[in-house]
Amino acid sequence: MPRSDVTVRVAGEGGEGVVSVGEILTRSAANSGLDVFTFRSYPAEIKGGLAMIQVRMSTETLDSIGRDADVLMAFNQEAVDTWGDKMSAGGVVLYDPRHTKLPDGYPHTAVAVPLHDAAMKETGARISKNIVALAAMVSALDLPEEKANELIVKRFKRKGQDVVDTNMRAFAAGRGLLDGNPALEPYRLEAARPRRQGRIIISGNEATSMGALAGGARFVAGYPITPATQILEFMMKHLYALGGVVIQAEDEISAIAQCLGASYAGARAMTATSGPGLCLMSELIGMASMSELPVVIIDVMRSGPGTGMPTKTEQADLMYALHGSAGEGPRIVLAATSIEDCFYQAINAFNLAERYQTPVILLTDQSMAYRTKTMDVPDLAGVELAERTSPTPEQLADYKRYLDTETGVSPMTVPGTDGGMFVSSGLEHDETGAPNYTPEMRMKMTRKRFRKLDTLAAELSANGGGLCEGGEGAKVGIIGWGSTEGAIRETLRRVRGEGAKVAHMHPKVLNPLPVAKIERWMKPLKKVIVLEENFTAQFAKHLRANVDMRATEIIEVNQCTGLPYTPDDVYRELSPHL
């Protein structure tokens, strides 16, 4: 019987075209009307190392990367050694016998596929074995071959007709290699629905970039760093058409400094980085807090410390995002929960930065940045852009840039405004901006800056700021942040189908936390599982520091493997407490 949900993993040496296979497979499935959700893992080496891409295909809407692979296409021995035991029940490993030997007693079904020999016989080019593998899987999974052929032509035509012809011959050579094999029969996909109009395949970095453009970004400065470089590259391709400016700075310090200058001049400015770059930016983030300049910093988190594992995922920058500064300066911290949410949180980041005249750090991660997903084209008609508070004519008569207001937000001018001149620096100052170090002024201006967070926190507690499901009658809840949302949601559908009652909360604004809303959600619960992808339970510590949790048992669940949680991982952690 055909399946409605199949997960395929392709793994091999970096440079063997592993990712090309996965990307063509992804777009072929999506063009056939299937929902797709991918995950990829790159080597940190410039050349070589193990590369992997996982493609989940379904006739239903997908929320996560899924469980272990149903089908593993292994190009080499390392692929089998690393991923060969991470298979679903009944999973099938496809391997090239020329380059791979399975261990004695291997527990999963294994099928030899002569990728190298077929490629050499048909094309004389060993490198084309990836297209042989692609054809074998397209045929075995019952995906439309014409879609894959179109994508091969599109991908390789810039290299010339000879390259296209070679790859088409390789595709023909792989087409029948797995036909009729009973091991693959359970993984033939159900007929897909007609592809809906208005659906796109997009990565998290692309969604973040598009959201920034929709949010009004017109100045971007950055320095290349894995896994955030794609955002800078995207902006270089597209921002100039909107009248914006993109600068590749000499380092991360210079990048955010240029953003502050652009913001001072009135532009909506942003930079994108990862953990090491965020560390370098800390002094200028403090400068933005003190001088009350709007700026957006995208932090695509990766495994640390130091260089760490630059191509692997982790949620370990939270504490630095919250507190990484000389002294105490307010900043808003957001966390996107999905690829689609990357788009909308980028818009939200700009609106909050402009409204509250403060740095906003938007956290994503390597897993979400590089994964791709089918989603509806965003509806731009509903996007509203917040403007900075401007002074009235009366206020300009005696302009106080840092006027102590009820909300903490002061009227702001841009250079050239008549009567709107002011002093701006990183020094403590009075309401006009003139340096002032008296104890009374220090307390007054510190309270004023932090009052902005109080204003936002009150708004969030009243109006939301993330997923909140009470689970009627539930005594157990699970709370997470960032990209774990999809795996949690999929797990909850499973346990609720088994009769369990579980509440779920997933805030998107992490500073300031919607404390009142979290406490209302937590009040009826006896146990709360705090699930995150780091070693030191950073979000759990953040909750304990701000939320009254004395009546609830808190269970910290953490992993820092470089891989994202799967629904099976979450189920394994949740089920003992139900």
Protein backbone atom coordinates (compact mmCIF):
# COMPACT_ATOMS: atom_id res chain seq x y z
CA MET A 1 0.00 0.00 0.00
CA PRO A 2 1.42 3.46 -0.91
CA ARG A 3 2.60 5.67 1.93
CA SER A 4 1.44 9.21 2.67
CA ASP A 5 4.65 10.19 4.51
CA VAL A 6 8.18 9.10 3.57
CA THR A 7 11.56 10.34 4.80
CA VAL A 8 14.63 9.90 2.59
CA ARG A 9 18.17 10.61 3.70
CA VAL A 10 21.07 11.01 1.24
CA ALA A 11 24.61 11.02 2.64
CA GLY A 12 28.13 10.91 1.27
CA GLU A 13 31.37 12.78 0.78
CA GLY A 14 31.16 16.55 0.43
CA GLY A 15 31.62 17.23 -3.30
CA GLU A 16 29.80 14.10 -4.47
CA GLY A 17 26.62 16.01 -5.24
CA VAL A 18 24.70 14.78 -2.20
CA VAL A 19 22.92 18.09 -1.66
CA SER A 20 22.09 18.39 -5.37
CA VAL A 21 20.27 15.06 -5.19
CA GLY A 22 18.30 16.19 -2.15
CA GLU A 23 17.41 19.57 -3.62
CA ILE A 24 16.18 18.12 -6.92
CA LEU A 25 14.25 15.45 -5.03
CA THR A 26 12.72 18.15 -2.83
CA ARG A 27 11.59 20.35 -5.70
CA SER A 28 10.37 17.38 -7.70
CA ALA A 29 8.17 16.30 -4.79
CA ALA A 30 6.93 19.84 -4.16
CA ASN A 31 6.14 20.40 -7.83
CA SER A 32 4.08 17.23 -7.65
CA GLY A 33 1.90 18.73 -4.90
CA LEU A 34 3.57 17.06 -1.91
CA ASP A 35 4.48 18.95 1.24
CA VAL A 36 8.22 18.78 1.88
CA PHE A 37 10.41 19.45 4.91
CA THR A 38 14.18 19.10 4.65
CA PHE A 39 17.14 19.07 6.99
CA ARG A 40 20.76 19.17 5.96
CA SER A 41 24.09 18.75 7.71
CA TYR A 42 27.25 20.10 6.07
CA PRO A 43 30.87 19.33 6.83
CA ALA A 44 32.87 22.18 8.33
CA GLU A 45 35.79 21.42 6.01
CA ILE A 46 36.18 23.47 2.83
CA LYS A 47 36.38 20.23 0.84
CA GLY A 48 35.44 16.70 1.85
CA GLY A 49 33.77 15.56 5.05
CA LEU A 50 30.38 13.94 5.44
CA ALA A 51 27.41 15.78 3.93
CA MET A 52 23.79 14.79 4.48
CA ILE A 53 20.40 16.02 3.35
CA GLN A 54 17.11 14.60 4.60
CA VAL A 55 13.90 15.05 2.66
CA ARG A 56 10.53 14.35 4.20
CA MET A 57 7.63 14.16 1.73
CA SER A 58 3.96 13.91 2.59
CA THR A 59 0.46 14.39 1.25
CA GLU A 60 -0.27 16.25 4.53
CA THR A 61 1.18 19.44 5.99
CA LEU A 62 4.46 18.82 7.83
CA ASP A 63 5.72 20.49 11.02
CA SER A 64 9.11 18.85 11.57
CA ILE A 65 11.94 16.88 10.01
CA GLY A 66 10.14 13.74 11.17
CA ARG A 67 11.55 10.58 12.62
CA ASP A 68 14.50 8.49 11.47
CA ALA A 69 14.92 7.82 7.76
CA ASP A 70 12.76 5.30 5.94
CA VAL A 71 15.28 5.18 3.09
CA LEU A 72 19.01 5.96 3.32
CA MET A 73 20.96 6.41 0.09
CA ALA A 74 24.59 5.97 1.20
CA PHE A 75 27.31 7.07 -1.22
CA ASN A 76 30.23 5.87 0.92
CA GLN A 77 31.28 3.96 4.02
CA GLU A 78 31.15 6.95 6.34
CA ALA A 79 27.51 7.51 5.40
CA VAL A 80 26.61 3.99 6.54
CA ASP A 81 28.79 4.21 9.65
CA THR A 82 27.20 7.51 10.71
CA TRP A 83 23.57 7.16 9.64
CA GLY A 84 23.07 3.44 9.03
CA ASP A 85 21.76 2.73 12.54
CA LYS A 86 19.41 5.73 12.57
CA MET A 87 16.63 4.10 10.57
CA SER A 88 12.92 3.70 11.11
CA ALA A 89 11.46 0.24 11.69
CA GLY A 90 11.50 -1.48 8.31
CA GLY A 91 13.90 1.10 6.90
CA VAL A 92 15.97 0.37 3.80
CA VAL A 93 19.61 1.25 3.17
CA LEU A 94 20.65 1.69 -0.44
CA TYR A 95 24.42 1.43 -0.81
CA ASP A 96 27.05 1.34 -3.51
CA PRO A 97 28.93 -1.98 -3.08
CA ARG A 98 32.05 -0.52 -4.71
CA HIS A 99 32.53 1.95 -1.85
CA THR A 100 30.60 0.45 1.05
CA LYS A 101 30.61 -2.67 3.16
CA LEU A 102 27.83 -3.33 5.64
CA PRO A 103 28.72 -4.72 9.07
CA ASP A 104 27.95 -8.32 9.90
CA GLY A 105 24.47 -8.75 11.29
CA TYR A 106 23.26 -5.40 9.97
CA PRO A 107 19.68 -5.15 11.30
CA HIS A 108 18.02 -3.23 8.46
CA THR A 109 17.15 -4.20 4.93
CA ALA A 110 20.02 -3.39 2.58
CA VAL A 111 19.94 -3.15 -1.20
CA ALA A 112 23.09 -2.85 -3.30
CA VAL A 113 22.84 -0.17 -5.99
CA PRO A 114 25.82 0.01 -8.39
CA LEU A 115 25.90 3.81 -8.64
CA HIS A 116 29.56 4.11 -9.62
CA ASP A 117 29.47 1.33 -12.22
CA ALA A 118 26.25 2.60 -13.80
CA ALA A 119 27.61 6.13 -14.03
CA MET A 120 30.91 5.04 -15.58
CA LYS A 121 29.23 2.74 -18.08
CA GLU A 122 26.74 5.32 -19.30
CA THR A 123 28.66 8.62 -19.00
CA GLY A 124 32.29 7.82 -18.23
CA ALA A 125 32.06 10.35 -15.40
CA ARG A 126 32.16 9.10 -11.81
CA ILE A 127 30.75 12.39 -10.56
CA SER A 128 27.42 11.71 -12.28
CA LYS A 129 26.62 8.88 -9.87
CA ASN A 130 24.54 11.32 -7.84
CA ILE A 131 22.11 11.70 -10.74
CA VAL A 132 22.03 7.91 -11.10
CA ALA A 133 21.02 7.76 -7.42
CA LEU A 134 18.41 10.47 -7.96
CA ALA A 135 16.79 8.57 -10.83
CA ALA A 136 16.73 5.31 -8.88
CA MET A 137 14.91 6.98 -5.97
CA VAL A 138 12.49 8.97 -8.12
CA SER A 139 11.43 5.76 -9.83
CA ALA A 140 11.27 3.71 -6.62
CA LEU A 141 9.20 6.33 -4.77
CA ASP A 142 6.87 6.75 -7.75
CA LEU A 143 7.58 10.45 -8.18
CA PRO A 144 6.94 11.96 -11.63
CA GLU A 145 10.12 11.64 -13.69
CA GLU A 146 9.30 14.60 -15.93
CA LYS A 147 9.50 16.95 -12.93
CA ALA A 148 12.97 15.68 -12.05
CA ASN A 149 14.10 15.95 -15.68
CA GLU A 150 12.96 19.58 -15.85
CA LEU A 151 14.89 20.39 -12.69
CA ILE A 152 18.07 18.69 -13.95
CA VAL A 153 17.96 20.79 -17.12
CA LYS A 154 17.31 23.95 -15.10
CA ARG A 155 20.15 23.22 -12.66
CA PHE A 156 22.85 22.39 -15.21
CA LYS A 157 22.01 24.39 -18.34
CA ARG A 158 24.31 27.25 -17.35
CA LYS A 159 27.21 24.76 -17.62
CA GLY A 160 26.40 23.98 -21.23
CA GLN A 161 24.43 21.45 -23.21
CA ASP A 162 27.12 18.76 -22.92
CA VAL A 163 26.76 18.78 -19.11
CA VAL A 164 22.98 18.64 -19.38
CA ASP A 165 23.18 15.70 -21.80
CA THR A 166 25.62 13.84 -19.51
CA ASN A 167 23.29 14.19 -16.57
CA MET A 168 20.27 13.15 -18.58
CA ARG A 169 22.12 9.98 -19.62
CA ALA A 170 22.99 9.38 -15.97
CA PHE A 171 19.32 9.77 -15.08
CA ALA A 172 18.36 7.23 -17.73
CA ALA A 173 20.98 4.82 -16.36
CA GLY A 174 19.55 5.01 -12.84
CA ARG A 175 15.89 4.86 -13.77
CA GLY A 176 15.43 1.12 -13.54
CA LEU A 177 17.99 0.16 -10.91
CA LEU A 178 15.39 -0.27 -8.16
CA ASP A 179 12.28 -1.01 -10.18
CA GLY A 180 10.35 -3.96 -8.83
CA ASN A 181 12.49 -4.29 -5.72
CA PRO A 182 10.14 -5.49 -2.96
CA ALA A 183 12.14 -3.71 -0.23
CA LEU A 184 11.15 -0.32 -1.69
CA GLU A 185 7.52 -1.19 -2.38
CA PRO A 186 6.29 0.01 1.08
CA TYR A 187 7.73 3.45 0.40
CA ARG A 188 5.98 4.27 -2.83
CA LEU A 189 4.17 7.53 -2.24
CA GLU A 190 0.46 8.08 -2.59
CA ALA A 191 -0.64 10.17 -5.51
CA ALA A 192 -0.05 13.79 -4.63
CA ARG A 193 -2.71 16.44 -4.66
CA PRO A 194 -2.58 18.95 -7.50
CA ARG A 195 -0.05 21.57 -6.54
CA ARG A 196 -1.77 24.54 -4.93
CA GLN A 197 -1.07 27.93 -6.40
CA GLY A 198 0.83 30.32 -4.20
CA ARG A 199 3.12 27.69 -2.63
CA ILE A 200 6.89 28.16 -2.49
CA ILE A 201 9.90 26.21 -1.23
CA ILE A 202 12.06 28.36 0.98
CA SER A 203 14.81 28.10 3.60
CA GLY A 204 14.87 29.81 6.96
CA ASN A 205 17.62 32.21 5.91
CA GLU A 206 15.66 33.13 2.79
CA ALA A 207 12.49 33.65 4.82
CA THR A 208 14.35 35.84 7.32
CA SER A 209 15.81 37.90 4.48
CA MET A 210 12.46 38.32 2.77
CA GLY A 211 10.86 39.31 6.07
CA ALA A 212 13.56 41.92 6.61
CA LEU A 213 12.85 43.41 3.19
CA ALA A 214 9.11 43.41 3.91
CA GLY A 215 9.89 45.00 7.29
CA GLY A 216 11.52 47.95 5.56
CA ALA A 217 15.23 47.09 5.85
CA ARG A 218 17.13 49.54 3.66
CA PHE A 219 20.63 49.32 5.14
CA VAL A 220 22.43 46.03 5.75
CA ALA A 221 26.02 45.60 6.86
CA GLY A 222 27.56 42.25 7.70
CA TYR A 223 30.59 40.04 7.71
CA PRO A 224 30.43 36.48 6.30
CA ILE A 225 29.99 33.82 8.99
CA THR A 226 28.47 30.35 8.87
CA PRO A 227 25.49 29.82 9.00
CA ALA A 228 24.32 33.43 8.49
CA THR A 229 26.21 34.28 5.30
CA GLN A 230 23.24 33.43 3.08
CA ILE A 231 21.35 36.41 4.54
CA LEU A 232 24.09 38.83 3.49
CA GLU A 233 24.26 37.19 0.05
CA PHE A 234 20.48 37.42 -0.37
CA MET A 235 20.52 41.12 0.50
CA MET A 236 23.34 41.76 -1.98
CA LYS A 237 21.16 40.29 -4.71
CA HIS A 238 17.90 42.01 -3.88
CA LEU A 239 18.20 45.09 -1.65
CA TYR A 240 19.63 47.43 -4.28
CA ALA A 241 16.47 47.04 -6.36
CA LEU A 242 14.54 48.54 -3.44
CA GLY A 243 16.86 51.50 -3.13
CA GLY A 244 18.77 50.06 -0.21
CA VAL A 245 22.46 49.70 0.59
CA VAL A 246 24.46 46.56 1.45
CA ILE A 247 28.02 46.65 2.78
CA GLN A 248 30.34 43.74 3.49
CA ALA A 249 32.26 45.16 6.42
CA GLU A 250 35.78 44.22 7.52
CA ASP A 251 34.45 42.55 10.69
CA GLU A 252 31.34 42.26 12.85
CA ILE A 253 32.24 45.28 14.98
CA SER A 254 32.39 47.50 11.94
CA ALA A 255 29.16 45.99 10.58
CA ILE A 256 27.03 46.93 13.56
CA ALA A 257 28.77 50.29 13.93
CA GLN A 258 27.74 51.12 10.35
CA CYS A 259 24.20 50.00 11.14
CA LEU A 260 24.05 52.41 14.08
CA GLY A 261 25.21 55.25 11.86
CA ALA A 262 22.56 54.41 9.28
CA SER A 263 19.90 54.18 11.98
CA TYR A 264 20.94 57.56 13.40
CA ALA A 265 20.38 58.95 9.88
CA GLY A 266 16.86 57.48 9.81
CA ALA A 267 17.29 54.17 7.96
CA ARG A 268 15.89 50.84 9.11
CA ALA A 269 19.16 48.97 9.59
CA MET A 270 20.18 45.38 10.31
CA THR A 271 23.08 42.99 10.46
CA ALA A 272 23.20 39.18 10.51
CA THR A 273 25.72 37.01 12.31
CA SER A 274 26.21 33.90 14.45
CA GLY A 275 27.44 33.42 18.01
CA PRO A 276 31.10 34.46 17.59
CA GLY A 277 30.03 37.59 15.70
CA LEU A 278 27.40 38.43 18.30
CA CYS A 279 30.14 38.38 20.94
CA LEU A 280 32.14 40.92 18.95
CA MET A 281 29.09 43.16 18.61
CA SER A 282 28.38 43.39 22.34
CA GLU A 283 29.99 46.82 22.92
CA LEU A 284 28.01 48.35 20.06
CA ILE A 285 24.79 46.69 21.25
CA GLY A 286 25.37 48.51 24.53
CA MET A 287 25.96 51.70 22.57
CA ALA A 288 22.61 51.23 20.81
CA SER A 289 20.86 50.75 24.15
CA MET A 290 22.43 53.88 25.67
CA SER A 291 21.93 56.11 22.64
CA GLU A 292 18.48 54.56 22.02
CA LEU A 293 19.06 53.72 18.37
CA PRO A 294 16.86 51.15 16.59
CA VAL A 295 18.86 48.28 15.10
CA VAL A 296 18.08 44.64 14.24
CA ILE A 297 20.64 41.88 14.81
CA ILE A 298 19.90 38.43 13.36
CA ASP A 299 21.75 35.69 15.26
CA VAL A 300 21.72 32.37 13.42
CA MET A 301 22.89 30.20 16.31
CA ARG A 302 25.42 27.41 15.87
CA SER A 303 27.32 25.04 18.14
CA GLY A 304 30.06 26.63 20.23
CA PRO A 305 32.08 27.62 22.15
CA GLY A 306 34.83 29.14 20.05
CA THR A 307 34.65 27.91 16.49
CA GLY A 308 32.82 24.87 17.89
CA MET A 309 30.83 23.08 15.19
CA PRO A 310 30.05 25.89 12.74
CA THR A 311 27.78 23.80 10.52
CA LYS A 312 25.75 22.23 13.34
CA THR A 313 22.76 23.56 15.26
CA GLU A 314 22.32 24.62 18.88
CA GLN A 315 20.24 27.00 21.02
CA ALA A 316 23.14 28.12 23.16
CA ASP A 317 23.31 31.89 22.54
CA LEU A 318 20.24 32.76 24.61
CA MET A 319 22.01 33.99 27.74
CA TYR A 320 24.43 36.05 25.68
CA ALA A 321 21.57 37.54 23.67
CA LEU A 322 19.82 38.46 26.92
CA HIS A 323 22.77 39.78 28.91
CA GLY A 324 25.87 40.10 26.71
CA SER A 325 26.84 43.71 27.30
CA ALA A 326 29.05 45.98 29.38
CA GLY A 327 26.71 47.11 32.12
CA GLU A 328 22.95 46.86 31.87
CA GLY A 329 21.19 47.93 28.73
CA PRO A 330 17.71 46.99 27.53
CA ARG A 331 17.30 44.94 24.40
CA ILE A 332 14.40 42.95 22.96
CA VAL A 333 15.07 39.30 22.14
CA LEU A 334 12.85 37.35 19.73
CA ALA A 335 13.00 33.71 18.65
CA ALA A 336 11.49 32.49 15.39
CA THR A 337 9.76 29.11 15.66
CA SER A 338 9.54 27.95 12.03
CA ILE A 339 10.59 28.88 8.52
CA GLU A 340 7.33 30.74 7.99
CA ASP A 341 7.76 32.46 11.35
CA CYS A 342 11.25 33.64 10.32
CA PHE A 343 9.50 35.87 7.79
CA TYR A 344 7.03 37.37 10.23
CA GLN A 345 9.47 37.70 13.15
CA ALA A 346 11.89 39.62 10.94
CA ILE A 347 9.10 42.12 10.26
CA ASN A 348 8.26 42.16 13.96
CA ALA A 349 11.92 42.78 14.84
CA PHE A 350 12.00 45.95 12.74
CA ASN A 351 8.69 47.20 14.08
CA LEU A 352 9.77 46.67 17.69
CA ALA A 353 13.17 48.27 17.10
CA GLU A 354 11.56 51.34 15.59
CA ARG A 355 8.76 51.60 18.16
CA TYR A 356 10.99 51.18 21.20
CA GLN A 357 14.23 52.69 19.84
CA THR A 358 16.34 49.83 21.08
CA PRO A 359 18.37 46.92 19.69
CA VAL A 360 16.34 43.85 18.79
CA ILE A 361 18.07 40.47 18.54
CA LEU A 362 16.23 37.84 16.48
CA LEU A 363 17.39 34.29 17.20
CA THR A 364 17.18 31.56 14.59
CA ASP A 365 19.52 28.55 14.30
CA GLN A 366 21.53 26.53 11.78
CA SER A 367 18.89 23.82 11.47
CA MET A 368 16.13 26.28 10.64
CA ALA A 369 18.39 28.48 8.51
CA TYR A 370 19.32 25.73 6.06
CA ARG A 371 16.24 23.52 6.09
CA THR A 372 13.67 24.09 3.35
CA LYS A 373 9.91 23.86 3.57
CA THR A 374 6.87 24.33 1.39
CA MET A 375 4.74 27.22 2.59
CA ASP A 376 2.16 29.67 1.33
CA VAL A 377 3.42 32.87 -0.23
CA PRO A 378 3.29 35.44 2.62
CA ASP A 379 0.38 37.84 2.54
CA LEU A 380 1.97 41.28 2.35
CA ALA A 381 -1.38 43.02 2.42
CA GLY A 382 -1.57 42.58 6.18
CA VAL A 383 1.95 43.85 6.89
CA GLU A 384 2.03 47.12 8.81
CA LEU A 385 5.23 49.02 9.45
CA ALA A 386 5.69 50.92 12.71
CA GLU A 387 7.24 54.37 12.63
CA ARG A 388 9.53 56.07 15.09
CA THR A 389 7.97 58.53 17.53
CA SER A 390 8.58 62.02 16.17
CA PRO A 391 8.55 65.25 18.17
CA THR A 392 5.66 67.68 17.91
CA PRO A 393 6.31 71.31 16.92
CA GLU A 394 5.96 72.24 20.57
CA GLN A 395 8.57 69.67 21.59
CA LEU A 396 10.96 70.95 18.92
CA ALA A 397 10.79 74.41 20.48
CA ASP A 398 12.81 73.00 23.40
CA TYR A 399 13.87 69.60 22.05
CA LYS A 400 14.81 66.89 24.52
CA ARG A 401 15.91 63.81 22.60
CA TYR A 402 15.80 61.62 25.71
CA LEU A 403 12.62 63.01 27.22
CA ASP A 404 11.57 60.91 30.23
CA THR A 405 8.14 59.65 29.13
CA GLU A 406 5.54 57.31 30.61
CA THR A 407 6.40 54.54 28.11
CA GLY A 408 10.15 55.18 28.12
CA VAL A 409 10.03 56.02 24.38
CA SER A 410 11.22 59.53 23.48
CA PRO A 411 10.59 61.61 20.35
CA MET A 412 13.40 61.11 17.82
CA THR A 413 14.59 63.29 14.95
CA VAL A 414 16.87 62.67 12.00
CA PRO A 415 19.78 64.94 11.07
CA GLY A 416 18.62 68.11 9.37
CA THR A 417 15.37 68.51 11.30
CA ASP A 418 14.86 72.17 12.22
CA GLY A 419 15.21 72.48 15.97
CA GLY A 420 15.98 68.79 16.29
CA MET A 421 19.70 68.90 17.02
CA PHE A 422 20.94 66.84 19.94
CA VAL A 423 24.02 65.21 21.39
CA SER A 424 24.22 61.41 21.01
CA SER A 425 26.99 59.29 22.50
CA GLY A 426 27.62 56.25 24.61
CA LEU A 427 28.00 58.35 27.74
CA GLU A 428 25.32 58.63 30.38
CA HIS A 429 23.37 61.81 29.75
CA ASP A 430 20.42 63.97 30.68
CA GLU A 431 17.25 64.43 28.66
CA THR A 432 18.99 66.67 26.11
CA GLY A 433 21.82 64.19 25.57
CA ALA A 434 24.44 66.23 27.44
CA PRO A 435 26.78 64.05 29.53
CA ASN A 436 25.63 63.82 33.14
CA TYR A 437 27.02 61.48 35.81
CA THR A 438 25.06 62.49 38.89
CA PRO A 439 23.52 59.62 40.88
CA GLU A 440 20.02 61.07 40.46
CA MET A 441 20.31 61.36 36.67
CA ARG A 442 21.84 57.91 36.39
CA MET A 443 18.86 56.32 38.16
CA LYS A 444 16.36 58.42 36.24
CA MET A 445 17.71 57.56 32.79
CA THR A 446 18.29 53.88 33.58
CA ARG A 447 14.67 53.58 34.74
CA LYS A 448 13.54 55.41 31.60
CA ARG A 449 15.42 53.04 29.25
CA PHE A 450 14.19 49.90 30.98
CA ARG A 451 10.62 51.23 31.16
CA LYS A 452 10.38 50.44 27.44
CA LEU A 453 10.60 46.74 28.26
CA ASP A 454 7.92 47.11 30.93
CA THR A 455 5.65 48.74 28.35
CA LEU A 456 6.20 45.89 25.89
CA ALA A 457 5.82 43.21 28.60
CA ALA A 458 2.40 44.56 29.58
CA GLU A 459 1.34 44.48 25.94
CA LEU A 460 2.54 40.88 25.52
CA SER A 461 0.83 39.62 28.67
CA ALA A 462 -2.43 41.08 27.40
CA ASN A 463 -2.20 40.18 23.71
CA GLY A 464 0.04 37.15 23.35
CA GLY A 465 3.41 36.69 21.75
CA GLY A 466 3.54 33.00 20.89
CA LEU A 467 1.70 29.69 20.91
CA CYS A 468 -0.24 28.96 24.11
CA GLU A 469 -2.37 25.80 24.39
CA GLY A 470 -3.88 25.07 27.77
CA GLY A 471 -4.90 21.48 27.15
CA GLU A 472 -8.17 21.28 29.08
CA GLY A 473 -7.68 19.17 32.18
CA ALA A 474 -3.92 18.81 31.59
CA LYS A 475 -1.58 18.44 34.56
CA VAL A 476 1.56 18.22 32.41
CA GLY A 477 2.87 20.93 30.12
CA ILE A 478 5.80 21.42 27.81
CA ILE A 479 7.41 24.75 27.04
CA GLY A 480 10.09 25.43 24.49
CA TRP A 481 11.42 28.20 22.30
CA GLY A 482 12.66 28.65 18.77
CA SER A 483 12.80 25.85 16.23
CA THR A 484 11.72 23.05 18.60
CA GLU A 485 8.07 24.06 18.10
CA GLY A 486 7.39 21.77 15.12
CA ALA A 487 8.77 18.62 16.79
CA ILE A 488 6.77 19.39 19.95
CA ARG A 489 3.54 20.01 18.04
CA GLU A 490 3.91 16.76 16.11
CA THR A 491 4.60 14.85 19.33
CA LEU A 492 1.55 16.34 21.01
CA ARG A 493 -0.70 15.16 18.20
CA ARG A 494 0.67 11.67 18.83
CA VAL A 495 0.24 11.64 22.62
CA ARG A 496 -3.17 13.29 22.46
CA GLY A 497 -4.19 10.61 20.01
CA GLU A 498 -3.19 8.13 22.71
CA GLY A 499 -5.49 9.89 25.17
CA ALA A 500 -2.98 12.04 27.06
CA LYS A 501 -3.67 15.64 28.02
CA VAL A 502 -0.69 17.95 27.64
CA ALA A 503 -0.45 21.75 27.56
CA HIS A 504 2.03 23.54 25.32
CA MET A 505 3.52 27.02 25.34
CA HIS A 506 6.08 28.48 22.93
CA PRO A 507 6.79 32.21 23.46
CA LYS A 508 8.33 34.16 20.60
CA VAL A 509 9.40 37.17 22.66
CA LEU A 510 12.03 36.00 25.16
CA ASN A 511 12.93 39.42 26.50
CA PRO A 512 10.80 40.78 27.97
CA LEU A 513 9.03 37.53 28.79
CA PRO A 514 5.21 37.61 28.87
CA VAL A 515 5.41 36.69 32.56
CA ALA A 516 1.73 37.07 33.45
CA LYS A 517 0.69 34.95 30.48
CA ILE A 518 3.21 32.20 31.34
CA GLU A 519 2.08 32.14 34.97
CA ARG A 520 -1.58 31.83 33.94
CA TRP A 521 -0.69 28.94 31.62
CA MET A 522 1.40 27.21 34.26
CA LYS A 523 -0.98 27.62 37.21
CA PRO A 524 -3.06 24.40 36.73
CA LEU A 525 -0.02 22.26 35.84
CA LYS A 526 1.81 19.90 38.21
CA LYS A 527 4.78 19.30 35.91
CA VAL A 528 6.35 21.46 33.21
CA ILE A 529 8.99 20.11 30.85
CA VAL A 530 11.39 22.79 29.57
CA LEU A 531 12.90 21.49 26.33
CA GLU A 532 15.80 23.15 24.54
CA GLU A 533 18.91 22.44 22.48
CA ASN A 534 21.74 23.41 24.83
CA PHE A 535 23.62 21.85 27.73
CA THR A 536 23.06 24.34 30.56
CA ALA A 537 19.25 24.74 30.41
CA GLN A 538 19.48 28.44 29.55
CA PHE A 539 15.76 28.99 28.93
CA ALA A 540 14.84 27.11 32.11
CA LYS A 541 17.15 29.43 34.08
CA HIS A 542 15.60 32.45 32.36
CA LEU A 543 12.13 31.24 33.34
CA ARG A 544 13.15 30.58 36.95
CA ALA A 545 14.60 34.09 37.18
CA ASN A 546 11.38 35.78 36.01
CA VAL A 547 8.38 33.48 36.55
CA ASP A 548 6.87 32.23 39.82
CA MET A 549 7.34 28.46 39.38
CA ARG A 550 7.31 27.39 43.03
CA ALA A 551 4.12 25.32 42.78
CA THR A 552 5.22 23.39 39.69
CA GLU A 553 7.79 20.63 39.23
CA ILE A 554 10.22 21.77 36.52
CA ILE A 555 11.86 19.08 34.41
CA GLU A 556 14.79 20.25 32.31
CA VAL A 557 15.32 18.38 29.02
CA ASN A 558 18.43 19.31 27.06
CA GLN A 559 20.51 18.05 24.18
CA CYS A 560 23.54 19.57 22.46
CA THR A 561 24.35 17.00 19.78
CA GLY A 562 24.47 19.42 16.88
CA LEU A 563 21.22 17.90 15.59
CA PRO A 564 17.67 19.16 16.10
CA TYR A 565 15.07 17.35 18.19
CA THR A 566 12.87 14.92 16.29
CA PRO A 567 9.32 14.04 17.36
CA ASP A 568 10.64 10.66 18.55
CA ASP A 569 13.15 12.44 20.79
CA VAL A 570 10.42 14.60 22.29
CA TYR A 571 8.08 11.62 22.73
CA ARG A 572 10.80 9.70 24.54
CA GLU A 573 11.30 12.57 26.99
CA LEU A 574 7.61 13.37 27.46
CA SER A 575 5.97 9.95 27.76
CA PRO A 576 7.41 8.96 31.20
CA HIS A 577 5.65 11.96 32.74
CA LEU A 578 2.16 11.31 31.34
